[in-house]
Structures are given as C-alpha cells and as structure tokens.
PDB file of all heavy atoms in Angstrom:
ATOM      1  N   ASP A   1       8.606 -16.623  17.297  1.00  0.00           N
ATOM      2  CA  ASP A   1       9.378 -17.767  16.819  1.00  0.00           C
ATOM      3  C   ASP A   1      10.857 -17.393  16.741  1.00  0.00           C
ATOM      4  O   ASP A   1      11.208 -16.231  16.521  1.00  0.00           O
ATOM      5  CB  ASP A   1       8.916 -18.178  15.403  1.00  0.00           C
ATOM      6  CG  ASP A   1       7.584 -18.895  15.421  1.00  0.00           C
ATOM      7  OD1 ASP A   1       7.166 -19.374  16.492  1.00  0.00           O
ATOM      8  OD2 ASP A   1       6.945 -18.955  14.350  1.00  0.00           O
ATOM      9  N   ARG A   2      11.703 -18.400  16.924  1.00  0.00           N
ATOM     10  CA  ARG A   2      13.129 -18.185  16.694  1.00  0.00           C
ATOM     11  C   ARG A   2      13.367 -18.152  15.188  1.00  0.00           C
ATOM     12  O   ARG A   2      12.981 -19.066  14.475  1.00  0.00           O
ATOM     13  CB  ARG A   2      13.956 -19.301  17.339  1.00  0.00           C
ATOM     14  CG  ARG A   2      13.911 -19.273  18.869  1.00  0.00           C
ATOM     15  CD  ARG A   2      14.774 -20.376  19.445  1.00  0.00           C
ATOM     16  NE  ARG A   2      14.780 -20.355  20.896  1.00  0.00           N
ATOM     17  CZ  ARG A   2      15.605 -19.626  21.631  1.00  0.00           C
ATOM     18  NH1 ARG A   2      16.505 -18.861  21.028  1.00  0.00           N
ATOM     19  NH2 ARG A   2      15.558 -19.646  22.951  1.00  0.00           N
ATOM     20  N   ALA A   3      13.975 -17.104  14.733  1.00  0.00           N
ATOM     21  CA  ALA A   3      14.204 -16.943  13.288  1.00  0.00           C
ATOM     22  C   ALA A   3      15.680 -16.658  13.067  1.00  0.00           C
ATOM     23  O   ALA A   3      16.136 -15.533  13.249  1.00  0.00           O
ATOM     24  CB  ALA A   3      13.345 -15.823  12.736  1.00  0.00           C
ATOM     25  N   ARG A   4      16.407 -17.687  12.671  1.00  0.00           N
ATOM     26  CA  ARG A   4      17.851 -17.536  12.458  1.00  0.00           C
ATOM     27  C   ARG A   4      18.161 -17.013  11.055  1.00  0.00           C
ATOM     28  O   ARG A   4      19.074 -16.205  10.867  1.00  0.00           O
ATOM     29  CB  ARG A   4      18.529 -18.897  12.679  1.00  0.00           C
ATOM     30  CG  ARG A   4      20.040 -18.901  12.495  1.00  0.00           C
ATOM     31  CD  ARG A   4      20.579 -20.309  12.734  1.00  0.00           C
ATOM     32  NE  ARG A   4      21.999 -20.427  12.434  1.00  0.00           N
ATOM     33  CZ  ARG A   4      22.977 -20.148  13.285  1.00  0.00           C
ATOM     34  NH1 ARG A   4      22.678 -19.703  14.494  1.00  0.00           N
ATOM     35  NH2 ARG A   4      24.239 -20.289  12.931  1.00  0.00           N
ATOM     36  N   ILE A   5      17.372 -17.461  10.072  1.00  0.00           N
ATOM     37  CA  ILE A   5      17.621 -17.114   8.677  1.00  0.00           C
ATOM     38  C   ILE A   5      16.553 -16.143   8.191  1.00  0.00           C
ATOM     39  O   ILE A   5      15.361 -16.375   8.369  1.00  0.00           O
ATOM     40  CB  ILE A   5      17.636 -18.382   7.797  1.00  0.00           C
ATOM     41  CG1 ILE A   5      18.693 -19.360   8.313  1.00  0.00           C
ATOM     42  CG2 ILE A   5      17.895 -18.008   6.350  1.00  0.00           C
ATOM     43  CD1 ILE A   5      20.111 -18.799   8.316  1.00  0.00           C
ATOM     44  N   LEU A   6      16.999 -15.070   7.546  1.00  0.00           N
ATOM     45  CA  LEU A   6      16.093 -13.998   7.147  1.00  0.00           C
ATOM     46  C   LEU A   6      16.390 -13.518   5.735  1.00  0.00           C
ATOM     47  O   LEU A   6      17.497 -13.732   5.221  1.00  0.00           O
ATOM     48  CB  LEU A   6      16.240 -12.815   8.110  1.00  0.00           C
ATOM     49  CG  LEU A   6      15.951 -13.081   9.593  1.00  0.00           C
ATOM     50  CD1 LEU A   6      16.654 -12.063  10.461  1.00  0.00           C
ATOM     51  CD2 LEU A   6      14.449 -13.054   9.847  1.00  0.00           C
ATOM     52  N   ASP A   7      15.414 -12.858   5.138  1.00  0.00           N
ATOM     53  CA  ASP A   7      15.600 -12.149   3.874  1.00  0.00           C
ATOM     54  C   ASP A   7      15.542 -10.654   4.179  1.00  0.00           C
ATOM     55  O   ASP A   7      14.627 -10.189   4.865  1.00  0.00           O
ATOM     56  CB  ASP A   7      14.502 -12.499   2.874  1.00  0.00           C
ATOM     57  CG  ASP A   7      14.527 -13.967   2.463  1.00  0.00           C
ATOM     58  OD1 ASP A   7      15.590 -14.588   2.562  1.00  0.00           O
ATOM     59  OD2 ASP A   7      13.460 -14.462   2.050  1.00  0.00           O
ATOM     60  N   PHE A   8      16.502  -9.888   3.664  1.00  0.00           N
ATOM     61  CA  PHE A   8      16.565  -8.452   3.912  1.00  0.00           C
ATOM     62  C   PHE A   8      16.055  -7.673   2.702  1.00  0.00           C
ATOM     63  O   PHE A   8      16.286  -8.050   1.557  1.00  0.00           O
ATOM     64  CB  PHE A   8      17.999  -8.004   4.205  1.00  0.00           C
ATOM     65  CG  PHE A   8      18.584  -8.569   5.473  1.00  0.00           C
ATOM     66  CD1 PHE A   8      19.967  -8.626   5.644  1.00  0.00           C
ATOM     67  CD2 PHE A   8      17.775  -9.018   6.501  1.00  0.00           C
ATOM     68  CE1 PHE A   8      20.519  -9.126   6.806  1.00  0.00           C
ATOM     69  CE2 PHE A   8      18.319  -9.523   7.671  1.00  0.00           C
ATOM     70  CZ  PHE A   8      19.693  -9.575   7.830  1.00  0.00           C
ATOM     71  N   ASN A   9      15.418  -6.563   2.983  1.00  0.00           N
ATOM     72  CA  ASN A   9      14.937  -5.678   1.926  1.00  0.00           C
ATOM     73  C   ASN A   9      14.931  -4.257   2.471  1.00  0.00           C
ATOM     74  O   ASN A   9      14.387  -4.005   3.547  1.00  0.00           O
ATOM     75  CB  ASN A   9      13.517  -6.083   1.508  1.00  0.00           C
ATOM     76  CG  ASN A   9      12.966  -5.183   0.430  1.00  0.00           C
ATOM     77  OD1 ASN A   9      13.641  -4.864  -0.530  1.00  0.00           O
ATOM     78  ND2 ASN A   9      11.719  -4.758   0.608  1.00  0.00           N
ATOM     79  N   ALA A  10      15.557  -3.329   1.777  1.00  0.00           N
ATOM     80  CA  ALA A  10      15.611  -1.933   2.218  1.00  0.00           C
ATOM     81  C   ALA A  10      14.436  -1.156   1.645  1.00  0.00           C
ATOM     82  O   ALA A  10      14.112  -1.278   0.463  1.00  0.00           O
ATOM     83  CB  ALA A  10      16.924  -1.285   1.792  1.00  0.00           C
ATOM     84  N   VAL A  11      13.769  -0.379   2.508  1.00  0.00           N
ATOM     85  CA  VAL A  11      12.706   0.512   2.064  1.00  0.00           C
ATOM     86  C   VAL A  11      12.995   1.912   2.610  1.00  0.00           C
ATOM     87  O   VAL A  11      13.695   2.060   3.612  1.00  0.00           O
ATOM     88  CB  VAL A  11      11.314   0.042   2.533  1.00  0.00           C
ATOM     89  CG1 VAL A  11      10.963  -1.296   1.915  1.00  0.00           C
ATOM     90  CG2 VAL A  11      11.251  -0.044   4.058  1.00  0.00           C
ATOM     91  N   VAL A  12      12.457   2.917   1.943  1.00  0.00           N
ATOM     92  CA  VAL A  12      12.691   4.304   2.334  1.00  0.00           C
ATOM     93  C   VAL A  12      11.341   4.971   2.598  1.00  0.00           C
ATOM     94  O   VAL A  12      10.429   4.897   1.780  1.00  0.00           O
ATOM     95  CB  VAL A  12      13.455   5.072   1.236  1.00  0.00           C
ATOM     96  CG1 VAL A  12      13.583   6.555   1.605  1.00  0.00           C
ATOM     97  CG2 VAL A  12      14.832   4.461   1.030  1.00  0.00           C
ATOM     98  N   ALA A  13      11.243   5.602   3.778  1.00  0.00           N
ATOM     99  CA  ALA A  13      10.060   6.388   4.126  1.00  0.00           C
ATOM    100  C   ALA A  13      10.519   7.825   4.347  1.00  0.00           C
ATOM    101  O   ALA A  13      10.994   8.171   5.433  1.00  0.00           O
ATOM    102  CB  ALA A  13       9.390   5.828   5.376  1.00  0.00           C
ATOM    103  N   PRO A  14      10.429   8.693   3.333  1.00  0.00           N
ATOM    104  CA  PRO A  14      11.053  10.018   3.400  1.00  0.00           C
ATOM    105  C   PRO A  14      10.338  11.030   4.283  1.00  0.00           C
ATOM    106  O   PRO A  14      10.900  12.071   4.601  1.00  0.00           O
ATOM    107  CB  PRO A  14      11.045  10.481   1.936  1.00  0.00           C
ATOM    108  CG  PRO A  14       9.902   9.749   1.319  1.00  0.00           C
ATOM    109  CD  PRO A  14       9.843   8.422   2.015  1.00  0.00           C
ATOM    110  N   ASP A  15       9.085  10.747   4.668  1.00  0.00           N
ATOM    111  CA  ASP A  15       8.363  11.683   5.527  1.00  0.00           C
ATOM    112  C   ASP A  15       7.468  10.900   6.473  1.00  0.00           C
ATOM    113  O   ASP A  15       7.360   9.669   6.386  1.00  0.00           O
ATOM    114  CB  ASP A  15       7.550  12.680   4.695  1.00  0.00           C
ATOM    115  CG  ASP A  15       6.624  12.007   3.691  1.00  0.00           C
ATOM    116  OD1 ASP A  15       5.933  11.038   4.079  1.00  0.00           O
ATOM    117  OD2 ASP A  15       6.596  12.424   2.518  1.00  0.00           O
ATOM    118  N   LEU A  16       6.827  11.610   7.389  1.00  0.00           N
ATOM    119  CA  LEU A  16       6.052  10.940   8.428  1.00  0.00           C
ATOM    120  C   LEU A  16       4.842  10.218   7.854  1.00  0.00           C
ATOM    121  O   LEU A  16       4.459   9.146   8.341  1.00  0.00           O
ATOM    122  CB  LEU A  16       5.625  11.949   9.492  1.00  0.00           C
ATOM    123  CG  LEU A  16       5.329  11.365  10.880  1.00  0.00           C
ATOM    124  CD1 LEU A  16       6.581  10.779  11.494  1.00  0.00           C
ATOM    125  CD2 LEU A  16       4.742  12.431  11.801  1.00  0.00           C
ATOM    126  N   ASP A  17       4.227  10.761   6.817  1.00  0.00           N
ATOM    127  CA  ASP A  17       3.076  10.086   6.205  1.00  0.00           C
ATOM    128  C   ASP A  17       3.492   8.747   5.605  1.00  0.00           C
ATOM    129  O   ASP A  17       2.787   7.736   5.754  1.00  0.00           O
ATOM    130  CB  ASP A  17       2.454  10.967   5.121  1.00  0.00           C
ATOM    131  CG  ASP A  17       1.683  12.150   5.692  1.00  0.00           C
ATOM    132  OD1 ASP A  17       1.308  12.088   6.877  1.00  0.00           O
ATOM    133  OD2 ASP A  17       1.467  13.130   4.957  1.00  0.00           O
ATOM    134  N   ALA A  18       4.646   8.740   4.921  1.00  0.00           N
ATOM    135  CA  ALA A  18       5.127   7.488   4.330  1.00  0.00           C
ATOM    136  C   ALA A  18       5.502   6.491   5.414  1.00  0.00           C
ATOM    137  O   ALA A  18       5.234   5.284   5.286  1.00  0.00           O
ATOM    138  CB  ALA A  18       6.330   7.779   3.434  1.00  0.00           C
ATOM    139  N   LEU A  19       6.099   6.972   6.494  1.00  0.00           N
ATOM    140  CA  LEU A  19       6.454   6.086   7.598  1.00  0.00           C
ATOM    141  C   LEU A  19       5.196   5.523   8.254  1.00  0.00           C
ATOM    142  O   LEU A  19       5.132   4.320   8.575  1.00  0.00           O
ATOM    143  CB  LEU A  19       7.301   6.841   8.616  1.00  0.00           C
ATOM    144  CG  LEU A  19       7.752   6.053   9.847  1.00  0.00           C
ATOM    145  CD1 LEU A  19       8.578   4.827   9.452  1.00  0.00           C
ATOM    146  CD2 LEU A  19       8.565   6.954  10.793  1.00  0.00           C
ATOM    147  N   HIS A  20       4.199   6.356   8.435  1.00  0.00           N
ATOM    148  CA  HIS A  20       2.936   5.914   9.019  1.00  0.00           C
ATOM    149  C   HIS A  20       2.301   4.817   8.161  1.00  0.00           C
ATOM    150  O   HIS A  20       1.829   3.792   8.683  1.00  0.00           O
ATOM    151  CB  HIS A  20       1.992   7.105   9.150  1.00  0.00           C
ATOM    152  CG  HIS A  20       0.746   6.812   9.917  1.00  0.00           C
ATOM    153  ND1 HIS A  20      -0.433   7.506   9.738  1.00  0.00           N
ATOM    154  CD2 HIS A  20       0.473   5.876  10.861  1.00  0.00           C
ATOM    155  CE1 HIS A  20      -1.357   7.029  10.531  1.00  0.00           C
ATOM    156  NE2 HIS A  20      -0.835   6.029  11.228  1.00  0.00           N
ATOM    157  N   GLN A  21       2.285   5.001   6.850  1.00  0.00           N
ATOM    158  CA  GLN A  21       1.709   4.003   5.956  1.00  0.00           C
ATOM    159  C   GLN A  21       2.490   2.691   6.016  1.00  0.00           C
ATOM    160  O   GLN A  21       1.917   1.599   6.054  1.00  0.00           O
ATOM    161  CB  GLN A  21       1.689   4.529   4.522  1.00  0.00           C
ATOM    162  CG  GLN A  21       1.019   3.585   3.519  1.00  0.00           C
ATOM    163  CD  GLN A  21      -0.432   3.329   3.843  1.00  0.00           C
ATOM    164  OE1 GLN A  21      -1.219   4.273   3.966  1.00  0.00           O
ATOM    165  NE2 GLN A  21      -0.800   2.051   4.003  1.00  0.00           N
ATOM    166  N   LEU A  22       3.822   2.804   6.042  1.00  0.00           N
ATOM    167  CA  LEU A  22       4.657   1.608   6.123  1.00  0.00           C
ATOM    168  C   LEU A  22       4.379   0.830   7.403  1.00  0.00           C
ATOM    169  O   LEU A  22       4.169  -0.394   7.376  1.00  0.00           O
ATOM    170  CB  LEU A  22       6.131   2.001   6.051  1.00  0.00           C
ATOM    171  CG  LEU A  22       7.148   0.884   6.353  1.00  0.00           C
ATOM    172  CD1 LEU A  22       7.028  -0.241   5.335  1.00  0.00           C
ATOM    173  CD2 LEU A  22       8.562   1.450   6.386  1.00  0.00           C
ATOM    174  N   LEU A  23       4.367   1.531   8.528  1.00  0.00           N
ATOM    175  CA  LEU A  23       4.144   0.856   9.807  1.00  0.00           C
ATOM    176  C   LEU A  23       2.742   0.252   9.871  1.00  0.00           C
ATOM    177  O   LEU A  23       2.550  -0.828  10.450  1.00  0.00           O
ATOM    178  CB  LEU A  23       4.362   1.838  10.956  1.00  0.00           C
ATOM    179  CG  LEU A  23       5.783   2.378  11.103  1.00  0.00           C
ATOM    180  CD1 LEU A  23       5.847   3.439  12.194  1.00  0.00           C
ATOM    181  CD2 LEU A  23       6.766   1.243  11.413  1.00  0.00           C
ATOM    182  N   HIS A  24       1.777   0.936   9.279  1.00  0.00           N
ATOM    183  CA  HIS A  24       0.415   0.396   9.235  1.00  0.00           C
ATOM    184  C   HIS A  24       0.389  -0.902   8.427  1.00  0.00           C
ATOM    185  O   HIS A  24      -0.241  -1.893   8.834  1.00  0.00           O
ATOM    186  CB  HIS A  24      -0.537   1.433   8.639  1.00  0.00           C
ATOM    187  CG  HIS A  24      -1.973   1.013   8.646  1.00  0.00           C
ATOM    188  ND1 HIS A  24      -2.548   0.308   7.608  1.00  0.00           N
ATOM    189  CD2 HIS A  24      -2.936   1.168   9.587  1.00  0.00           C
ATOM    190  CE1 HIS A  24      -3.810   0.062   7.890  1.00  0.00           C
ATOM    191  NE2 HIS A  24      -4.081   0.581   9.081  1.00  0.00           N
ATOM    192  N   ASP A  25       1.068  -0.920   7.300  1.00  0.00           N
ATOM    193  CA  ASP A  25       1.119  -2.130   6.472  1.00  0.00           C
ATOM    194  C   ASP A  25       1.813  -3.276   7.203  1.00  0.00           C
ATOM    195  O   ASP A  25       1.426  -4.447   7.060  1.00  0.00           O
ATOM    196  CB  ASP A  25       1.848  -1.845   5.159  1.00  0.00           C
ATOM    197  CG  ASP A  25       1.089  -0.876   4.259  1.00  0.00           C
ATOM    198  OD1 ASP A  25      -0.122  -0.653   4.497  1.00  0.00           O
ATOM    199  OD2 ASP A  25       1.711  -0.326   3.327  1.00  0.00           O
ATOM    200  N   LEU A  26       2.836  -2.955   7.982  1.00  0.00           N
ATOM    201  CA  LEU A  26       3.599  -3.990   8.675  1.00  0.00           C
ATOM    202  C   LEU A  26       2.831  -4.619   9.834  1.00  0.00           C
ATOM    203  O   LEU A  26       3.225  -5.690  10.321  1.00  0.00           O
ATOM    204  CB  LEU A  26       4.921  -3.414   9.184  1.00  0.00           C
ATOM    205  CG  LEU A  26       5.957  -3.074   8.108  1.00  0.00           C
ATOM    206  CD1 LEU A  26       7.151  -2.368   8.733  1.00  0.00           C
ATOM    207  CD2 LEU A  26       6.416  -4.337   7.362  1.00  0.00           C
ATOM    208  N   LEU A  27       1.753  -3.996  10.275  1.00  0.00           N
ATOM    209  CA  LEU A  27       0.964  -4.570  11.370  1.00  0.00           C
ATOM    210  C   LEU A  27       0.469  -5.972  11.025  1.00  0.00           C
ATOM    211  O   LEU A  27       0.341  -6.825  11.912  1.00  0.00           O
ATOM    212  CB  LEU A  27      -0.234  -3.670  11.690  1.00  0.00           C
ATOM    213  CG  LEU A  27       0.052  -2.374  12.456  1.00  0.00           C
ATOM    214  CD1 LEU A  27      -1.214  -1.528  12.550  1.00  0.00           C
ATOM    215  CD2 LEU A  27       0.587  -2.690  13.860  1.00  0.00           C
ATOM    216  N   THR A  28       0.191  -6.213   9.761  1.00  0.00           N
ATOM    217  CA  THR A  28      -0.353  -7.517   9.359  1.00  0.00           C
ATOM    218  C   THR A  28       0.705  -8.444   8.760  1.00  0.00           C
ATOM    219  O   THR A  28       0.379  -9.566   8.371  1.00  0.00           O
ATOM    220  CB  THR A  28      -1.490  -7.322   8.347  1.00  0.00           C
ATOM    221  OG1 THR A  28      -1.015  -6.563   7.231  1.00  0.00           O
ATOM    222  CG2 THR A  28      -2.657  -6.589   8.990  1.00  0.00           C
ATOM    223  N   ARG A  29       1.937  -7.990   8.670  1.00  0.00           N
ATOM    224  CA  ARG A  29       3.008  -8.836   8.128  1.00  0.00           C
ATOM    225  C   ARG A  29       3.722  -9.511   9.299  1.00  0.00           C
ATOM    226  O   ARG A  29       4.711  -9.003   9.825  1.00  0.00           O
ATOM    227  CB  ARG A  29       3.966  -8.006   7.276  1.00  0.00           C
ATOM    228  CG  ARG A  29       3.333  -7.525   5.978  1.00  0.00           C
ATOM    229  CD  ARG A  29       4.302  -6.763   5.114  1.00  0.00           C
ATOM    230  NE  ARG A  29       5.512  -7.510   4.806  1.00  0.00           N
ATOM    231  CZ  ARG A  29       6.505  -7.058   4.034  1.00  0.00           C
ATOM    232  NH1 ARG A  29       6.422  -5.840   3.509  1.00  0.00           N
ATOM    233  NH2 ARG A  29       7.560  -7.789   3.802  1.00  0.00           N
ATOM    234  N   ARG A  30       3.193 -10.624   9.713  1.00  0.00           N
ATOM    235  CA  ARG A  30       3.653 -11.261  10.946  1.00  0.00           C
ATOM    236  C   ARG A  30       4.928 -12.073  10.782  1.00  0.00           C
ATOM    237  O   ARG A  30       5.384 -12.705  11.731  1.00  0.00           O
ATOM    238  CB  ARG A  30       2.528 -12.119  11.533  1.00  0.00           C
ATOM    239  CG  ARG A  30       1.320 -11.279  11.962  1.00  0.00           C
ATOM    240  CD  ARG A  30       0.337 -12.047  12.812  1.00  0.00           C
ATOM    241  NE  ARG A  30      -0.633 -11.144  13.406  1.00  0.00           N
ATOM    242  CZ  ARG A  30      -1.836 -10.877  12.905  1.00  0.00           C
ATOM    243  NH1 ARG A  30      -2.197 -11.439  11.750  1.00  0.00           N
ATOM    244  NH2 ARG A  30      -2.662 -10.064  13.520  1.00  0.00           N
ATOM    245  N   ASP A  31       5.493 -12.039   9.588  1.00  0.00           N
ATOM    246  CA  ASP A  31       6.778 -12.711   9.382  1.00  0.00           C
ATOM    247  C   ASP A  31       7.913 -11.696   9.211  1.00  0.00           C
ATOM    248  O   ASP A  31       9.028 -12.061   8.840  1.00  0.00           O
ATOM    249  CB  ASP A  31       6.727 -13.624   8.159  1.00  0.00           C
ATOM    250  CG  ASP A  31       6.418 -12.868   6.862  1.00  0.00           C
ATOM    251  OD1 ASP A  31       6.110 -11.646   6.936  1.00  0.00           O
ATOM    252  OD2 ASP A  31       6.476 -13.493   5.789  1.00  0.00           O
ATOM    253  N   THR A  32       7.635 -10.425   9.509  1.00  0.00           N
ATOM    254  CA  THR A  32       8.594  -9.366   9.194  1.00  0.00           C
ATOM    255  C   THR A  32       8.823  -8.459  10.393  1.00  0.00           C
ATOM    256  O   THR A  32       7.894  -8.166  11.154  1.00  0.00           O
ATOM    257  CB  THR A  32       8.091  -8.536   7.999  1.00  0.00           C
ATOM    258  OG1 THR A  32       7.954  -9.384   6.856  1.00  0.00           O
ATOM    259  CG2 THR A  32       9.041  -7.402   7.666  1.00  0.00           C
ATOM    260  N   CYS A  33      10.071  -8.015  10.550  1.00  0.00           N
ATOM    261  CA  CYS A  33      10.417  -7.018  11.557  1.00  0.00           C
ATOM    262  C   CYS A  33      11.339  -5.979  10.913  1.00  0.00           C
ATOM    263  O   CYS A  33      11.707  -6.097   9.743  1.00  0.00           O
ATOM    264  CB  CYS A  33      11.086  -7.665  12.775  1.00  0.00           C
ATOM    265  SG  CYS A  33      12.717  -8.373  12.443  1.00  0.00           S
ATOM    266  N   ILE A  34      11.709  -4.964  11.680  1.00  0.00           N
ATOM    267  CA  ILE A  34      12.533  -3.858  11.196  1.00  0.00           C
ATOM    268  C   ILE A  34      13.899  -3.911  11.855  1.00  0.00           C
ATOM    269  O   ILE A  34      14.014  -4.252  13.043  1.00  0.00           O
ATOM    270  CB  ILE A  34      11.841  -2.513  11.502  1.00  0.00           C
ATOM    271  CG1 ILE A  34      10.520  -2.399  10.739  1.00  0.00           C
ATOM    272  CG2 ILE A  34      12.755  -1.330  11.168  1.00  0.00           C
ATOM    273  CD1 ILE A  34       9.659  -1.231  11.187  1.00  0.00           C
ATOM    274  N   LEU A  35      14.935  -3.547  11.107  1.00  0.00           N
ATOM    275  CA  LEU A  35      16.295  -3.431  11.642  1.00  0.00           C
ATOM    276  C   LEU A  35      16.828  -2.032  11.317  1.00  0.00           C
ATOM    277  O   LEU A  35      16.572  -1.503  10.236  1.00  0.00           O
ATOM    278  CB  LEU A  35      17.221  -4.481  11.024  1.00  0.00           C
ATOM    279  CG  LEU A  35      16.783  -5.943  11.100  1.00  0.00           C
ATOM    280  CD1 LEU A  35      17.748  -6.818  10.306  1.00  0.00           C
ATOM    281  CD2 LEU A  35      16.703  -6.420  12.540  1.00  0.00           C
ATOM    282  N   ARG A  36      17.610  -1.453  12.245  1.00  0.00           N
ATOM    283  CA  ARG A  36      18.243  -0.160  11.974  1.00  0.00           C
ATOM    284  C   ARG A  36      19.398  -0.296  10.995  1.00  0.00           C
ATOM    285  O   ARG A  36      19.703   0.615  10.228  1.00  0.00           O
ATOM    286  CB  ARG A  36      18.809   0.432  13.276  1.00  0.00           C
ATOM    287  CG  ARG A  36      17.916   1.384  14.003  1.00  0.00           C
ATOM    288  CD  ARG A  36      18.675   2.041  15.148  1.00  0.00           C
ATOM    289  NE  ARG A  36      19.711   2.932  14.675  1.00  0.00           N
ATOM    290  CZ  ARG A  36      19.555   4.239  14.478  1.00  0.00           C
ATOM    291  NH1 ARG A  36      18.390   4.807  14.724  1.00  0.00           N
ATOM    292  NH2 ARG A  36      20.553   4.988  14.050  1.00  0.00           N
ATOM    293  N   GLY A  37      20.093  -1.421  11.055  1.00  0.00           N
ATOM    294  CA  GLY A  37      21.309  -1.595  10.273  1.00  0.00           C
ATOM    295  C   GLY A  37      21.063  -1.570   8.780  1.00  0.00           C
ATOM    296  O   GLY A  37      19.968  -1.862   8.286  1.00  0.00           O
ATOM    297  N   ALA A  38      22.113  -1.219   8.040  1.00  0.00           N
ATOM    298  CA  ALA A  38      22.057  -1.191   6.576  1.00  0.00           C
ATOM    299  C   ALA A  38      22.525  -2.529   6.019  1.00  0.00           C
ATOM    300  O   ALA A  38      23.396  -3.190   6.599  1.00  0.00           O
ATOM    301  CB  ALA A  38      22.948  -0.075   6.041  1.00  0.00           C
ATOM    302  N   ILE A  39      21.951  -2.934   4.898  1.00  0.00           N
ATOM    303  CA  ILE A  39      22.370  -4.163   4.227  1.00  0.00           C
ATOM    304  C   ILE A  39      23.772  -3.947   3.657  1.00  0.00           C
ATOM    305  O   ILE A  39      24.005  -3.009   2.894  1.00  0.00           O
ATOM    306  CB  ILE A  39      21.383  -4.524   3.104  1.00  0.00           C
ATOM    307  CG1 ILE A  39      19.973  -4.707   3.676  1.00  0.00           C
ATOM    308  CG2 ILE A  39      21.834  -5.789   2.379  1.00  0.00           C
ATOM    309  CD1 ILE A  39      18.899  -4.822   2.615  1.00  0.00           C
ATOM    310  N   ARG A  40      24.713  -4.812   4.019  1.00  0.00           N
ATOM    311  CA  ARG A  40      26.088  -4.652   3.545  1.00  0.00           C
ATOM    312  C   ARG A  40      26.222  -4.956   2.054  1.00  0.00           C
ATOM    313  O   ARG A  40      26.954  -4.274   1.342  1.00  0.00           O
ATOM    314  CB  ARG A  40      27.021  -5.575   4.334  1.00  0.00           C
ATOM    315  CG  ARG A  40      27.420  -5.046   5.700  1.00  0.00           C
ATOM    316  CD  ARG A  40      28.418  -5.972   6.350  1.00  0.00           C
ATOM    317  NE  ARG A  40      28.846  -5.467   7.639  1.00  0.00           N
ATOM    318  CZ  ARG A  40      29.914  -4.721   7.852  1.00  0.00           C
ATOM    319  NH1 ARG A  40      30.674  -4.375   6.818  1.00  0.00           N
ATOM    320  NH2 ARG A  40      30.239  -4.303   9.064  1.00  0.00           N
ATOM    321  N   ASP A  41      25.542  -5.987   1.612  1.00  0.00           N
ATOM    322  CA  ASP A  41      25.712  -6.444   0.231  1.00  0.00           C
ATOM    323  C   ASP A  41      24.360  -6.922  -0.279  1.00  0.00           C
ATOM    324  O   ASP A  41      23.833  -7.930   0.196  1.00  0.00           O
ATOM    325  CB  ASP A  41      26.745  -7.578   0.193  1.00  0.00           C
ATOM    326  CG  ASP A  41      26.984  -8.115  -1.212  1.00  0.00           C
ATOM    327  OD1 ASP A  41      26.380  -7.590  -2.166  1.00  0.00           O
ATOM    328  OD2 ASP A  41      27.778  -9.075  -1.352  1.00  0.00           O
ATOM    329  N   GLU A  42      23.787  -6.186  -1.218  1.00  0.00           N
ATOM    330  CA  GLU A  42      22.473  -6.555  -1.753  1.00  0.00           C
ATOM    331  C   GLU A  42      22.481  -7.949  -2.379  1.00  0.00           C
ATOM    332  O   GLU A  42      21.454  -8.619  -2.451  1.00  0.00           O
ATOM    333  CB  GLU A  42      22.032  -5.521  -2.793  1.00  0.00           C
ATOM    334  CG  GLU A  42      21.734  -4.145  -2.225  1.00  0.00           C
ATOM    335  CD  GLU A  42      20.403  -4.080  -1.496  1.00  0.00           C
ATOM    336  OE1 GLU A  42      19.678  -5.088  -1.501  1.00  0.00           O
ATOM    337  OE2 GLU A  42      20.107  -3.027  -0.922  1.00  0.00           O
ATOM    338  N   ALA A  43      23.654  -8.395  -2.829  1.00  0.00           N
ATOM    339  CA  ALA A  43      23.752  -9.729  -3.428  1.00  0.00           C
ATOM    340  C   ALA A  43      23.769 -10.824  -2.363  1.00  0.00           C
ATOM    341  O   ALA A  43      23.655 -12.007  -2.688  1.00  0.00           O
ATOM    342  CB  ALA A  43      25.016  -9.817  -4.283  1.00  0.00           C
TER     343      ALA A  43
END
C-alpha cells in the first residue's frame, strides 16, 4: 500500500539475538517497516 503518513518509534537491538527476535516479531506486523534514519524530534 502507499503509505504517506507514518508513526515512528526507535528500538534498540544490541546483539544478534535481540535483532533476530525483533525481526521475527516484525514478520507478522504487516503495517510496519524499518528505516535506517534517526528520528529528528521525538515530539
């Protein structure tokens, strides 16, 4: 789908196990994707 408007949320995966768990969880979150960029303003 075209998604112009989004909600941002920063998460931290400090090791490969945490990253693996995060990516596994995201498999079923079909409204969410990942961005490399940092959130400029949490507000």
